[in-house]
Amino acid sequence: MCCLLVCALCAACVLMYYAPAGCYDCCIRCAGAIPYPSLVATLLLFAGMALFCGCGHEALGQTQVLVETHFARNFQDYSLMASCIKYFQFVIYGLASFFFLYGLLLLAEGFYTTSAIKQSFGEFRSTRCGRCLSLTFIIATYVLAVIWLCVFAFSAIPVFFFFNMAQTCHNINLLAETSPSINQHGWICMDARQYGLLPWNAMPGKACGMTLAAICKTSDFYVTYDLYIAAFVGAGVALLALFLYVVATTYNYAVLRFLGRKGLHC
């Protein structure tokens, strides 16, 4: 992917800035002007947000189906949860749009502060406005990284819930081989109410014994579990991209502020 982008940029450079020095020199100059850390961070951010938003959106919808099928009989019991799911789905749409635009801005900032690009237009002179712009991106990206760290931690909650449910079903299946009466006792249960998914007066609100084991064998459970894992991984990739942005923008600002004209930028 990176190679394709480099080739596309080189082709654009040849068409726009073709000089008597030749196509090869122009292509080398163009390739040296690419802010590779910012480019990698942009690709990671886009991939992570696509995974988080796409899988998270579908996982929320599957969660509602799972709850209304196995844990709640009355719509009033999960109406609040259904409203929250719709709200979070709309938030996901906004997150996808915002980070797409912000990633492009950071990539543009990386190109702007790359010394090779500046040298192609002549001698570089660092301005106060340029340094202020870089410092603004550092602060904004750092704040976003801290906020997204909270989102990353929050996305681990449903993964923990489904992991706990899968482990409970695994224990039930093991005990069922030695104790056929496990379904009668029903002493191993999974209560959705204790995770805040349902109010405490919701009926049945929980699944026990072999009923719970049967739920774990449904496609709804496996699909929802896998989607939440993918969303969690996507949030982690986006967090890594934001921290990489922080490093790249901080280095760019240090070069603009302290190293003067001839530093190399990310």
C-alpha atoms as a PDB file:
ATOM      1  CA  MET A   1       0.000   0.000   0.000  1.00  0.00           C
ATOM      2  CA  CYS A   2       2.757   2.424   0.943  1.00  0.00           C
ATOM      3  CA  CYS A   3       4.636   1.578  -2.265  1.00  0.00           C
ATOM      4  CA  LEU A   4       1.549   2.374  -4.338  1.00  0.00           C
ATOM      5  CA  LEU A   5       1.171   5.716  -2.598  1.00  0.00           C
ATOM      6  CA  VAL A   6       4.845   6.508  -3.169  1.00  0.00           C
ATOM      7  CA  CYS A   7       4.547   5.662  -6.862  1.00  0.00           C
ATOM      8  CA  ALA A   8       1.403   7.795  -7.192  1.00  0.00           C
ATOM      9  CA  LEU A   9       3.097  10.720  -5.496  1.00  0.00           C
ATOM     10  CA  CYS A  10       6.178  10.317  -7.691  1.00  0.00           C
ATOM     11  CA  ALA A  11       4.011  10.297 -10.807  1.00  0.00           C
ATOM     12  CA  ALA A  12       2.266  13.471  -9.655  1.00  0.00           C
ATOM     13  CA  CYS A  13       5.641  15.030  -8.933  1.00  0.00           C
ATOM     14  CA  VAL A  14       6.932  14.208 -12.401  1.00  0.00           C
ATOM     15  CA  LEU A  15       3.839  15.713 -14.014  1.00  0.00           C
ATOM     16  CA  MET A  16       3.846  18.857 -11.870  1.00  0.00           C
ATOM     17  CA  TYR A  17       7.546  19.542 -11.268  1.00  0.00           C
ATOM     18  CA  TYR A  18       9.331  17.956 -14.180  1.00  0.00           C
ATOM     19  CA  ALA A  19      12.699  19.600 -14.493  1.00  0.00           C
ATOM     20  CA  PRO A  20      15.702  19.212 -16.838  1.00  0.00           C
ATOM     21  CA  ALA A  21      17.410  17.269 -14.063  1.00  0.00           C
ATOM     22  CA  GLY A  22      15.345  14.319 -15.214  1.00  0.00           C
ATOM     23  CA  CYS A  23      12.535  12.086 -14.102  1.00  0.00           C
ATOM     24  CA  TYR A  24      14.750  10.019 -11.821  1.00  0.00           C
ATOM     25  CA  ASP A  25      15.946  12.987  -9.778  1.00  0.00           C
ATOM     26  CA  CYS A  26      12.414  14.312  -9.513  1.00  0.00           C
ATOM     27  CA  CYS A  27      11.119  10.948  -8.334  1.00  0.00           C
ATOM     28  CA  ILE A  28      13.897  10.627  -5.751  1.00  0.00           C
ATOM     29  CA  ARG A  29      13.183  14.127  -4.505  1.00  0.00           C
ATOM     30  CA  CYS A  30       9.484  13.330  -4.296  1.00  0.00           C
ATOM     31  CA  ALA A  31      10.075  10.043  -2.441  1.00  0.00           C
ATOM     32  CA  GLY A  32      12.293  11.834   0.036  1.00  0.00           C
ATOM     33  CA  ALA A  33       9.548  14.376   0.681  1.00  0.00           C
ATOM     34  CA  ILE A  34       7.054  11.800   1.967  1.00  0.00           C
ATOM     35  CA  PRO A  35       6.493  11.943   5.767  1.00  0.00           C
ATOM     36  CA  TYR A  36       6.619   8.189   6.306  1.00  0.00           C
ATOM     37  CA  PRO A  37       5.778   8.145  10.051  1.00  0.00           C
ATOM     38  CA  SER A  38       2.731  10.323   9.432  1.00  0.00           C
ATOM     39  CA  LEU A  39       1.774   8.197   6.436  1.00  0.00           C
ATOM     40  CA  VAL A  40       2.019   4.968   8.464  1.00  0.00           C
ATOM     41  CA  ALA A  41       0.071   6.544  11.314  1.00  0.00           C
ATOM     42  CA  THR A  42      -2.641   7.648   8.875  1.00  0.00           C
ATOM     43  CA  LEU A  43      -2.980   4.156   7.428  1.00  0.00           C
ATOM     44  CA  LEU A  44      -3.113   2.666  10.928  1.00  0.00           C
ATOM     45  CA  LEU A  45      -5.693   5.224  12.024  1.00  0.00           C
ATOM     46  CA  PHE A  46      -7.919   4.573   9.025  1.00  0.00           C
ATOM     47  CA  ALA A  47      -7.628   0.792   9.434  1.00  0.00           C
ATOM     48  CA  GLY A  48      -8.235   0.917  13.182  1.00  0.00           C
ATOM     49  CA  MET A  49     -11.213   3.243  12.934  1.00  0.00           C
ATOM     50  CA  ALA A  50     -12.736   1.214  10.101  1.00  0.00           C
ATOM     51  CA  LEU A  51     -12.420  -1.923  12.215  1.00  0.00           C
ATOM     52  CA  PHE A  52     -13.692  -0.261  15.387  1.00  0.00           C
ATOM     53  CA  CYS A  53     -16.597   1.589  13.809  1.00  0.00           C
ATOM     54  CA  GLY A  54     -17.725  -1.158  11.448  1.00  0.00           C
ATOM     55  CA  CYS A  55     -17.472  -4.063  13.873  1.00  0.00           C
ATOM     56  CA  GLY A  56     -18.650  -1.973  16.822  1.00  0.00           C
ATOM     57  CA  HIS A  57     -21.768  -0.885  14.963  1.00  0.00           C
ATOM     58  CA  GLU A  58     -22.667  -4.453  14.043  1.00  0.00           C
ATOM     59  CA  ALA A  59     -21.778  -5.792  17.499  1.00  0.00           C
ATOM     60  CA  LEU A  60     -24.171  -3.357  19.180  1.00  0.00           C
ATOM     61  CA  GLY A  61     -26.992  -4.473  16.906  1.00  0.00           C
ATOM     62  CA  GLN A  62     -26.217  -8.144  17.560  1.00  0.00           C
ATOM     63  CA  THR A  63     -26.147  -7.479  21.309  1.00  0.00           C
ATOM     64  CA  GLN A  64     -29.703  -6.194  21.205  1.00  0.00           C
ATOM     65  CA  VAL A  65     -30.812  -9.297  19.303  1.00  0.00           C
ATOM     66  CA  LEU A  66     -29.039 -11.554  21.811  1.00  0.00           C
ATOM     67  CA  VAL A  67     -30.550  -9.817  24.830  1.00  0.00           C
ATOM     68  CA  GLU A  68     -34.110  -9.660  23.527  1.00  0.00           C
ATOM     69  CA  THR A  69     -33.966 -13.289  22.449  1.00  0.00           C
ATOM     70  CA  HIS A  70     -32.523 -14.894  25.567  1.00  0.00           C
ATOM     71  CA  PHE A  71     -32.456 -12.479  28.510  1.00  0.00           C
ATOM     72  CA  ALA A  72     -35.544 -10.240  28.325  1.00  0.00           C
ATOM     73  CA  ARG A  73     -39.145 -11.064  27.454  1.00  0.00           C
ATOM     74  CA  ASN A  74     -40.661  -7.604  27.799  1.00  0.00           C
ATOM     75  CA  PHE A  75     -39.566  -4.743  25.550  1.00  0.00           C
ATOM     76  CA  GLN A  76     -39.809  -2.318  28.460  1.00  0.00           C
ATOM     77  CA  ASP A  77     -37.010  -4.222  30.160  1.00  0.00           C
ATOM     78  CA  TYR A  78     -34.492  -3.456  27.423  1.00  0.00           C
ATOM     79  CA  SER A  79     -35.973  -0.287  25.901  1.00  0.00           C
ATOM     80  CA  LEU A  80     -33.321   1.850  27.623  1.00  0.00           C
ATOM     81  CA  MET A  81     -30.575  -0.417  26.338  1.00  0.00           C
ATOM     82  CA  ALA A  82     -32.029  -0.231  22.811  1.00  0.00           C
ATOM     83  CA  SER A  83     -32.035   3.571  22.982  1.00  0.00           C
ATOM     84  CA  CYS A  84     -28.419   3.618  24.182  1.00  0.00           C
ATOM     85  CA  ILE A  85     -27.410   1.283  21.360  1.00  0.00           C
ATOM     86  CA  LYS A  86     -28.946   3.598  18.757  1.00  0.00           C
ATOM     87  CA  TYR A  87     -27.204   6.558  20.389  1.00  0.00           C
ATOM     88  CA  PHE A  88     -23.816   4.828  20.320  1.00  0.00           C
ATOM     89  CA  GLN A  89     -24.345   3.804  16.706  1.00  0.00           C
ATOM     90  CA  PHE A  90     -24.852   7.443  15.736  1.00  0.00           C
ATOM     91  CA  VAL A  91     -21.765   8.375  17.760  1.00  0.00           C
ATOM     92  CA  ILE A  92     -19.821   5.798  15.744  1.00  0.00           C
ATOM     93  CA  TYR A  93     -20.850   7.531  12.516  1.00  0.00           C
ATOM     94  CA  GLY A  94     -19.520  10.813  13.885  1.00  0.00           C
ATOM     95  CA  LEU A  95     -16.277   9.227  15.082  1.00  0.00           C
ATOM     96  CA  ALA A  96     -15.602   7.700  11.686  1.00  0.00           C
ATOM     97  CA  SER A  97     -16.088  11.031   9.909  1.00  0.00           C
ATOM     98  CA  PHE A  98     -14.080  13.031  12.439  1.00  0.00           C
ATOM     99  CA  PHE A  99     -11.041  10.755  12.508  1.00  0.00           C
ATOM    100  CA  PHE A 100     -11.025  10.465   8.731  1.00  0.00           C
ATOM    101  CA  LEU A 101     -10.771  14.239   8.392  1.00  0.00           C
ATOM    102  CA  TYR A 102      -8.358  14.572  11.301  1.00  0.00           C
ATOM    103  CA  GLY A 103      -6.072  11.905   9.850  1.00  0.00           C
ATOM    104  CA  LEU A 104      -5.943  13.801   6.576  1.00  0.00           C
ATOM    105  CA  LEU A 105      -5.111  17.023   8.443  1.00  0.00           C
ATOM    106  CA  LEU A 106      -2.273  15.344  10.317  1.00  0.00           C
ATOM    107  CA  LEU A 107      -0.940  13.843   7.113  1.00  0.00           C
ATOM    108  CA  ALA A 108      -1.061  17.259   5.470  1.00  0.00           C
ATOM    109  CA  GLU A 109       0.768  18.709   8.485  1.00  0.00           C
ATOM    110  CA  GLY A 110       3.421  16.022   8.069  1.00  0.00           C
ATOM    111  CA  PHE A 111       3.903  16.988   4.416  1.00  0.00           C
ATOM    112  CA  TYR A 112       3.984  20.646   5.345  1.00  0.00           C
ATOM    113  CA  THR A 113       6.750  20.225   7.889  1.00  0.00           C
ATOM    114  CA  THR A 114       8.913  17.904   5.824  1.00  0.00           C
ATOM    115  CA  SER A 115      12.103  19.684   4.892  1.00  0.00           C
ATOM    116  CA  ALA A 116      12.442  17.883   1.555  1.00  0.00           C
ATOM    117  CA  ILE A 117       9.168  19.380   0.342  1.00  0.00           C
ATOM    118  CA  LYS A 118      10.176  22.816   1.533  1.00  0.00           C
ATOM    119  CA  GLN A 119      13.522  22.505  -0.248  1.00  0.00           C
ATOM    120  CA  SER A 120      11.721  21.699  -3.492  1.00  0.00           C
ATOM    121  CA  PHE A 121      10.060  25.103  -3.286  1.00  0.00           C
ATOM    122  CA  GLY A 122      13.238  26.887  -2.308  1.00  0.00           C
ATOM    123  CA  GLU A 123      14.915  27.875   0.910  1.00  0.00           C
ATOM    124  CA  PHE A 124      12.867  27.132   3.983  1.00  0.00           C
ATOM    125  CA  ARG A 125      12.090  29.795   6.544  1.00  0.00           C
ATOM    126  CA  SER A 126      10.316  28.698   9.710  1.00  0.00           C
ATOM    127  CA  THR A 127       7.531  31.102  10.645  1.00  0.00           C
ATOM    128  CA  ARG A 128       5.876  31.668  13.990  1.00  0.00           C
ATOM    129  CA  CYS A 129       2.550  30.629  12.463  1.00  0.00           C
ATOM    130  CA  GLY A 130       4.010  27.316  11.314  1.00  0.00           C
ATOM    131  CA  ARG A 131       5.443  26.556  14.735  1.00  0.00           C
ATOM    132  CA  CYS A 132       2.145  27.493  16.372  1.00  0.00           C
ATOM    133  CA  LEU A 133       0.297  25.165  13.999  1.00  0.00           C
ATOM    134  CA  SER A 134       2.596  22.256  14.851  1.00  0.00           C
ATOM    135  CA  LEU A 135       2.221  22.920  18.586  1.00  0.00           C
ATOM    136  CA  THR A 136      -1.568  23.002  18.196  1.00  0.00           C
ATOM    137  CA  PHE A 137      -1.523  19.593  16.502  1.00  0.00           C
ATOM    138  CA  ILE A 138       0.673  18.195  19.280  1.00  0.00           C
ATOM    139  CA  ILE A 139      -1.732  19.309  22.010  1.00  0.00           C
ATOM    140  CA  ALA A 140      -4.859  18.277  20.110  1.00  0.00           C
ATOM    141  CA  THR A 141      -3.451  14.852  19.224  1.00  0.00           C
ATOM    142  CA  TYR A 142      -2.256  14.240  22.773  1.00  0.00           C
ATOM    143  CA  VAL A 143      -5.709  15.091  24.173  1.00  0.00           C
ATOM    144  CA  LEU A 144      -7.359  12.823  21.614  1.00  0.00           C
ATOM    145  CA  ALA A 145      -4.953  10.019  22.504  1.00  0.00           C
ATOM    146  CA  VAL A 146      -5.865  10.305  26.202  1.00  0.00           C
ATOM    147  CA  ILE A 147      -9.582  10.332  25.389  1.00  0.00           C
ATOM    148  CA  TRP A 148      -9.200   7.391  23.037  1.00  0.00           C
ATOM    149  CA  LEU A 149      -7.318   5.504  25.728  1.00  0.00           C
ATOM    150  CA  CYS A 150     -10.529   5.676  27.788  1.00  0.00           C
ATOM    151  CA  VAL A 151     -12.513   4.445  24.771  1.00  0.00           C
ATOM    152  CA  PHE A 152     -10.047   1.589  24.347  1.00  0.00           C
ATOM    153  CA  ALA A 153     -10.505   0.596  27.994  1.00  0.00           C
ATOM    154  CA  PHE A 154     -14.294   0.891  27.692  1.00  0.00           C
ATOM    155  CA  SER A 155     -14.326  -1.355  24.607  1.00  0.00           C
ATOM    156  CA  ALA A 156     -12.769  -4.113  26.714  1.00  0.00           C
ATOM    157  CA  ILE A 157     -15.907  -4.366  28.897  1.00  0.00           C
ATOM    158  CA  PRO A 158     -18.116  -6.244  26.381  1.00  0.00           C
ATOM    159  CA  VAL A 159     -15.154  -8.449  25.473  1.00  0.00           C
ATOM    160  CA  PHE A 160     -14.799  -9.345  29.156  1.00  0.00           C
ATOM    161  CA  PHE A 161     -18.537 -10.045  29.403  1.00  0.00           C
ATOM    162  CA  PHE A 162     -18.568 -12.430  26.451  1.00  0.00           C
ATOM    163  CA  PHE A 163     -15.299 -14.042  27.528  1.00  0.00           C
ATOM    164  CA  ASN A 164     -16.768 -14.665  30.968  1.00  0.00           C
ATOM    165  CA  MET A 165     -19.900 -16.063  29.373  1.00  0.00           C
ATOM    166  CA  ALA A 166     -17.888 -18.377  27.111  1.00  0.00           C
ATOM    167  CA  GLN A 167     -15.831 -19.620  30.066  1.00  0.00           C
ATOM    168  CA  THR A 168     -19.005 -20.260  32.070  1.00  0.00           C
ATOM    169  CA  CYS A 169     -20.453 -22.272  29.199  1.00  0.00           C
ATOM    170  CA  HIS A 170     -17.206 -24.218  28.966  1.00  0.00           C
ATOM    171  CA  ASN A 171     -17.418 -25.079  32.672  1.00  0.00           C
ATOM    172  CA  ILE A 172     -21.027 -26.124  32.258  1.00  0.00           C
ATOM    173  CA  ASN A 173     -20.131 -28.488  29.433  1.00  0.00           C
ATOM    174  CA  LEU A 174     -17.360 -30.035  31.528  1.00  0.00           C
ATOM    175  CA  LEU A 175     -19.613 -30.498  34.531  1.00  0.00           C
ATOM    176  CA  ALA A 176     -22.422 -31.880  32.395  1.00  0.00           C
ATOM    177  CA  GLU A 177     -20.216 -34.835  31.488  1.00  0.00           C
ATOM    178  CA  THR A 178     -19.916 -35.843  35.147  1.00  0.00           C
ATOM    179  CA  SER A 179     -23.148 -34.438  36.636  1.00  0.00           C
ATOM    180  CA  PRO A 180     -26.261 -34.983  34.494  1.00  0.00           C
ATOM    181  CA  SER A 181     -28.417 -33.089  37.009  1.00  0.00           C
ATOM    182  CA  ILE A 182     -26.667 -29.758  36.464  1.00  0.00           C
ATOM    183  CA  ASN A 183     -29.608 -28.353  34.537  1.00  0.00           C
ATOM    184  CA  GLN A 184     -31.948 -29.116  37.458  1.00  0.00           C
ATOM    185  CA  HIS A 185     -29.804 -27.359  40.020  1.00  0.00           C
ATOM    186  CA  GLY A 186     -29.075 -24.355  37.771  1.00  0.00           C
ATOM    187  CA  TRP A 187     -26.403 -23.068  40.099  1.00  0.00           C
ATOM    188  CA  ILE A 188     -24.140 -21.842  37.284  1.00  0.00           C
ATOM    189  CA  CYS A 189     -25.682 -18.762  35.732  1.00  0.00           C
ATOM    190  CA  MET A 190     -24.873 -15.686  33.653  1.00  0.00           C
ATOM    191  CA  ASP A 191     -26.781 -12.618  34.816  1.00  0.00           C
ATOM    192  CA  ALA A 192     -26.948  -9.795  32.283  1.00  0.00           C
ATOM    193  CA  ARG A 193     -28.383  -7.471  34.930  1.00  0.00           C
ATOM    194  CA  GLN A 194     -25.172  -7.318  36.933  1.00  0.00           C
ATOM    195  CA  TYR A 195     -23.372  -5.805  33.920  1.00  0.00           C
ATOM    196  CA  GLY A 196     -25.916  -3.006  33.586  1.00  0.00           C
ATOM    197  CA  LEU A 197     -27.445  -4.330  30.377  1.00  0.00           C
ATOM    198  CA  LEU A 198     -30.850  -4.783  31.982  1.00  0.00           C
ATOM    199  CA  PRO A 199     -32.651  -3.401  35.048  1.00  0.00           C
ATOM    200  CA  TRP A 200     -32.832  -5.612  38.118  1.00  0.00           C
ATOM    201  CA  ASN A 201     -36.560  -6.251  37.644  1.00  0.00           C
ATOM    202  CA  ALA A 202     -36.034  -7.660  34.122  1.00  0.00           C
ATOM    203  CA  MET A 203     -37.251 -11.206  33.565  1.00  0.00           C
ATOM    204  CA  PRO A 204     -35.623 -13.629  33.260  1.00  0.00           C
ATOM    205  CA  GLY A 205     -32.498 -11.449  33.175  1.00  0.00           C
ATOM    206  CA  LYS A 206     -30.220 -14.446  33.434  1.00  0.00           C
ATOM    207  CA  ALA A 207     -29.565 -17.839  31.886  1.00  0.00           C
ATOM    208  CA  CYS A 208     -28.474 -20.884  33.844  1.00  0.00           C
ATOM    209  CA  GLY A 209     -27.253 -24.416  33.348  1.00  0.00           C
ATOM    210  CA  MET A 210     -27.663 -26.071  29.997  1.00  0.00           C
ATOM    211  CA  THR A 211     -29.859 -23.204  28.818  1.00  0.00           C
ATOM    212  CA  LEU A 212     -26.828 -20.958  29.026  1.00  0.00           C
ATOM    213  CA  ALA A 213     -24.683 -23.579  27.305  1.00  0.00           C
ATOM    214  CA  ALA A 214     -27.193 -23.701  24.456  1.00  0.00           C
ATOM    215  CA  ILE A 215     -27.021 -19.918  24.065  1.00  0.00           C
ATOM    216  CA  CYS A 216     -23.242 -20.098  23.734  1.00  0.00           C
ATOM    217  CA  LYS A 217     -23.638 -22.490  20.808  1.00  0.00           C
ATOM    218  CA  THR A 218     -25.803 -20.113  18.781  1.00  0.00           C
ATOM    219  CA  SER A 219     -24.445 -18.137  15.860  1.00  0.00           C
ATOM    220  CA  ASP A 220     -25.626 -14.885  17.460  1.00  0.00           C
ATOM    221  CA  PHE A 221     -23.267 -15.403  20.372  1.00  0.00           C
ATOM    222  CA  TYR A 222     -20.223 -16.292  18.271  1.00  0.00           C
ATOM    223  CA  VAL A 223     -20.760 -13.452  15.796  1.00  0.00           C
ATOM    224  CA  THR A 224     -21.258 -10.872  18.545  1.00  0.00           C
ATOM    225  CA  TYR A 225     -18.215 -12.104  20.469  1.00  0.00           C
ATOM    226  CA  ASP A 226     -15.983 -11.966  17.400  1.00  0.00           C
ATOM    227  CA  LEU A 227     -17.264  -8.508  16.451  1.00  0.00           C
ATOM    228  CA  TYR A 228     -16.468  -7.102  19.890  1.00  0.00           C
ATOM    229  CA  ILE A 229     -12.973  -8.583  19.749  1.00  0.00           C
ATOM    230  CA  ALA A 230     -12.424  -7.020  16.328  1.00  0.00           C
ATOM    231  CA  ALA A 231     -13.703  -3.655  17.595  1.00  0.00           C
ATOM    232  CA  PHE A 232     -11.372  -3.884  20.587  1.00  0.00           C
ATOM    233  CA  VAL A 233      -8.408  -4.602  18.312  1.00  0.00           C
ATOM    234  CA  GLY A 234      -9.419  -1.724  16.044  1.00  0.00           C
ATOM    235  CA  ALA A 235      -9.504   0.653  19.018  1.00  0.00           C
ATOM    236  CA  GLY A 236      -5.999  -0.494  19.960  1.00  0.00           C
ATOM    237  CA  VAL A 237      -4.695   0.089  16.439  1.00  0.00           C
ATOM    238  CA  ALA A 238      -6.222   3.587  16.388  1.00  0.00           C
ATOM    239  CA  LEU A 239      -4.640   4.329  19.777  1.00  0.00           C
ATOM    240  CA  LEU A 240      -1.253   3.224  18.454  1.00  0.00           C
ATOM    241  CA  ALA A 241      -1.711   5.510  15.452  1.00  0.00           C
ATOM    242  CA  LEU A 242      -2.507   8.484  17.680  1.00  0.00           C
ATOM    243  CA  PHE A 243       0.597   7.930  19.794  1.00  0.00           C
ATOM    244  CA  LEU A 244       2.649   7.650  16.613  1.00  0.00           C
ATOM    245  CA  TYR A 245       1.144  10.941  15.495  1.00  0.00           C
ATOM    246  CA  VAL A 246       2.161  12.493  18.831  1.00  0.00           C
ATOM    247  CA  VAL A 247       5.759  11.354  18.319  1.00  0.00           C
ATOM    248  CA  ALA A 248       5.868  12.573  14.705  1.00  0.00           C
ATOM    249  CA  THR A 249       4.299  15.977  15.404  1.00  0.00           C
ATOM    250  CA  THR A 250       6.487  16.494  18.475  1.00  0.00           C
ATOM    251  CA  TYR A 251       9.597  15.755  16.432  1.00  0.00           C
ATOM    252  CA  ASN A 252       8.408  18.089  13.700  1.00  0.00           C
ATOM    253  CA  TYR A 253       7.896  20.882  16.199  1.00  0.00           C
ATOM    254  CA  ALA A 254      11.312  20.280  17.758  1.00  0.00           C
ATOM    255  CA  VAL A 255      12.942  20.580  14.350  1.00  0.00           C
ATOM    256  CA  LEU A 256      10.999  23.720  13.494  1.00  0.00           C
ATOM    257  CA  ARG A 257      11.709  25.300  16.840  1.00  0.00           C
ATOM    258  CA  PHE A 258      15.245  24.229  17.702  1.00  0.00           C
ATOM    259  CA  LEU A 259      17.074  22.783  14.717  1.00  0.00           C
ATOM    260  CA  GLY A 260      16.367  25.513  12.212  1.00  0.00           C
ATOM    261  CA  ARG A 261      16.417  25.162   8.479  1.00  0.00           C
ATOM    262  CA  LYS A 262      18.307  21.957   7.736  1.00  0.00           C
ATOM    263  CA  GLY A 263      16.646  19.354   9.972  1.00  0.00           C
ATOM    264  CA  LEU A 264      14.879  16.368   8.583  1.00  0.00           C
ATOM    265  CA  HIS A 265      11.211  16.057   9.555  1.00  0.00           C
ATOM    266  CA  CYS A 266       8.872  13.122  10.023  1.00  0.00           C
END
